[in-house]
Amino acid sequence: TGGNRTQAAKLLEISLRSLIYKIKEYGLE
């Protein structure tokens, strides 16, 4: 089923976004 893949992609996008946010927050750009 393609539903699982979509959910995994969303989770990955969320964690990637929060990771980038943390990096910017700590000024490690």
PDB file of N, CA and C in Angstrom:
ATOM      1  N   THR A   1       0.836  -1.212   0.000  1.00  0.00           N
ATOM      2  CA  THR A   1       0.000   0.000   0.000  1.00  0.00           C
ATOM      3  C   THR A   1       0.866   1.255   0.000  1.00  0.00           C
ATOM      4  N   GLY A   2       0.397   2.296  -0.666  1.00  0.00           N
ATOM      5  CA  GLY A   2       1.165   3.534  -0.735  1.00  0.00           C
ATOM      6  C   GLY A   2       0.941   4.427   0.470  1.00  0.00           C
ATOM      7  N   GLY A   3      -0.047   4.079   1.309  1.00  0.00           N
ATOM      8  CA  GLY A   3      -0.342   4.909   2.475  1.00  0.00           C
ATOM      9  C   GLY A   3       0.809   4.957   3.460  1.00  0.00           C
ATOM     10  N   ASN A   4       1.441   3.794   3.677  1.00  0.00           N
ATOM     11  CA  ASN A   4       2.558   3.741   4.610  1.00  0.00           C
ATOM     12  C   ASN A   4       3.710   4.616   4.149  1.00  0.00           C
ATOM     13  N   ARG A   5       3.961   4.590   2.854  1.00  0.00           N
ATOM     14  CA  ARG A   5       5.076   5.364   2.301  1.00  0.00           C
ATOM     15  C   ARG A   5       4.818   6.866   2.469  1.00  0.00           C
ATOM     16  N   THR A   6       3.566   7.262   2.266  1.00  0.00           N
ATOM     17  CA  THR A   6       3.217   8.674   2.423  1.00  0.00           C
ATOM     18  C   THR A   6       3.390   9.110   3.868  1.00  0.00           C
ATOM     19  N   GLN A   7       2.978   8.250   4.786  1.00  0.00           N
ATOM     20  CA  GLN A   7       3.096   8.576   6.203  1.00  0.00           C
ATOM     21  C   GLN A   7       4.561   8.691   6.598  1.00  0.00           C
ATOM     22  N   ALA A   8       5.380   7.783   6.102  1.00  0.00           N
ATOM     23  CA  ALA A   8       6.807   7.809   6.407  1.00  0.00           C
ATOM     24  C   ALA A   8       7.443   9.077   5.854  1.00  0.00           C
ATOM     25  N   ALA A   9       7.028   9.467   4.658  1.00  0.00           N
ATOM     26  CA  ALA A   9       7.566  10.679   4.048  1.00  0.00           C
ATOM     27  C   ALA A   9       7.196  11.904   4.867  1.00  0.00           C
ATOM     28  N   LYS A  10       5.970  11.926   5.377  1.00  0.00           N
ATOM     29  CA  LYS A  10       5.534  13.054   6.203  1.00  0.00           C
ATOM     30  C   LYS A  10       6.343  13.109   7.489  1.00  0.00           C
ATOM     31  N   LEU A  11       6.542  11.960   8.116  1.00  0.00           N
ATOM     32  CA  LEU A  11       7.328  11.912   9.347  1.00  0.00           C
ATOM     33  C   LEU A  11       8.748  12.389   9.094  1.00  0.00           C
ATOM     34  N   LEU A  12       9.311  11.951   7.981  1.00  0.00           N
ATOM     35  CA  LEU A  12      10.680  12.334   7.635  1.00  0.00           C
ATOM     36  C   LEU A  12      10.763  13.840   7.417  1.00  0.00           C
ATOM     37  N   GLU A  13       9.776  14.383   6.750  1.00  0.00           N
ATOM     38  CA  GLU A  13       9.764  15.822   6.478  1.00  0.00           C
ATOM     39  C   GLU A  13       9.673  16.611   7.772  1.00  0.00           C
ATOM     40  N   ILE A  14       8.850  16.117   8.707  1.00  0.00           N
ATOM     41  CA  ILE A  14       8.684  16.796   9.990  1.00  0.00           C
ATOM     42  C   ILE A  14       9.985  16.781  10.785  1.00  0.00           C
ATOM     43  N   SER A  15      10.640  15.623  10.852  1.00  0.00           N
ATOM     44  CA  SER A  15      11.875  15.542  11.623  1.00  0.00           C
ATOM     45  C   SER A  15      12.981  16.357  10.970  1.00  0.00           C
ATOM     46  N   LEU A  16      12.996  16.374   9.643  1.00  0.00           N
ATOM     47  CA  LEU A  16      13.994  17.160   8.926  1.00  0.00           C
ATOM     48  C   LEU A  16      13.785  18.644   9.209  1.00  0.00           C
ATOM     49  N   ARG A  17      12.525  19.053   9.204  1.00  0.00           N
ATOM     50  CA  ARG A  17      12.205  20.459   9.442  1.00  0.00           C
ATOM     51  C   ARG A  17      12.588  20.871  10.855  1.00  0.00           C
ATOM     52  N   SER A  18      12.298  20.020  11.840  1.00  0.00           N
ATOM     53  CA  SER A  18      12.637  20.354  13.219  1.00  0.00           C
ATOM     54  C   SER A  18      14.146  20.348  13.422  1.00  0.00           C
ATOM     55  N   LEU A  19      14.832  19.477  12.687  1.00  0.00           N
ATOM     56  CA  LEU A  19      16.289  19.426  12.768  1.00  0.00           C
ATOM     57  C   LEU A  19      16.887  20.727  12.237  1.00  0.00           C
ATOM     58  N   ILE A  20      16.406  21.176  11.091  1.00  0.00           N
ATOM     59  CA  ILE A  20      16.875  22.438  10.512  1.00  0.00           C
ATOM     60  C   ILE A  20      16.559  23.592  11.456  1.00  0.00           C
ATOM     61  N   TYR A  21      15.386  23.551  12.067  1.00  0.00           N
ATOM     62  CA  TYR A  21      14.982  24.601  12.995  1.00  0.00           C
ATOM     63  C   TYR A  21      15.941  24.669  14.174  1.00  0.00           C
ATOM     64  N   LYS A  22      16.297  23.498  14.717  1.00  0.00           N
ATOM     65  CA  LYS A  22      17.218  23.456  15.850  1.00  0.00           C
ATOM     66  C   LYS A  22      18.593  23.975  15.457  1.00  0.00           C
ATOM     67  N   ILE A  23      19.053  23.586  14.282  1.00  0.00           N
ATOM     68  CA  ILE A  23      20.362  24.039  13.809  1.00  0.00           C
ATOM     69  C   ILE A  23      20.381  25.561  13.686  1.00  0.00           C
ATOM     70  N   LYS A  24      19.328  26.122  13.118  1.00  0.00           N
ATOM     71  CA  LYS A  24      19.261  27.574  12.981  1.00  0.00           C
ATOM     72  C   LYS A  24      19.174  28.222  14.357  1.00  0.00           C
ATOM     73  N   GLU A  25      18.447  27.583  15.275  1.00  0.00           N
ATOM     74  CA  GLU A  25      18.268  28.125  16.610  1.00  0.00           C
ATOM     75  C   GLU A  25      19.608  28.228  17.329  1.00  0.00           C
ATOM     76  N   TYR A  26      20.476  27.241  17.117  1.00  0.00           N
ATOM     77  CA  TYR A  26      21.783  27.243  17.764  1.00  0.00           C
ATOM     78  C   TYR A  26      22.818  28.016  16.956  1.00  0.00           C
ATOM     79  N   GLY A  27      22.423  28.508  15.790  1.00  0.00           N
ATOM     80  CA  GLY A  27      23.318  29.322  14.987  1.00  0.00           C
ATOM     81  C   GLY A  27      24.457  28.541  14.364  1.00  0.00           C
ATOM     82  N   LEU A  28      24.175  27.313  13.933  1.00  0.00           N
ATOM     83  CA  LEU A  28      25.217  26.484  13.339  1.00  0.00           C
ATOM     84  C   LEU A  28      25.090  26.430  11.824  1.00  0.00           C
ATOM     85  N   GLU A  29      24.451  27.437  11.256  1.00  0.00           N
ATOM     86  CA  GLU A  29      24.200  27.435   9.816  1.00  0.00           C
ATOM     87  C   GLU A  29      25.484  27.261   9.025  1.00  0.00           C
TER      88      GLU A  29
END
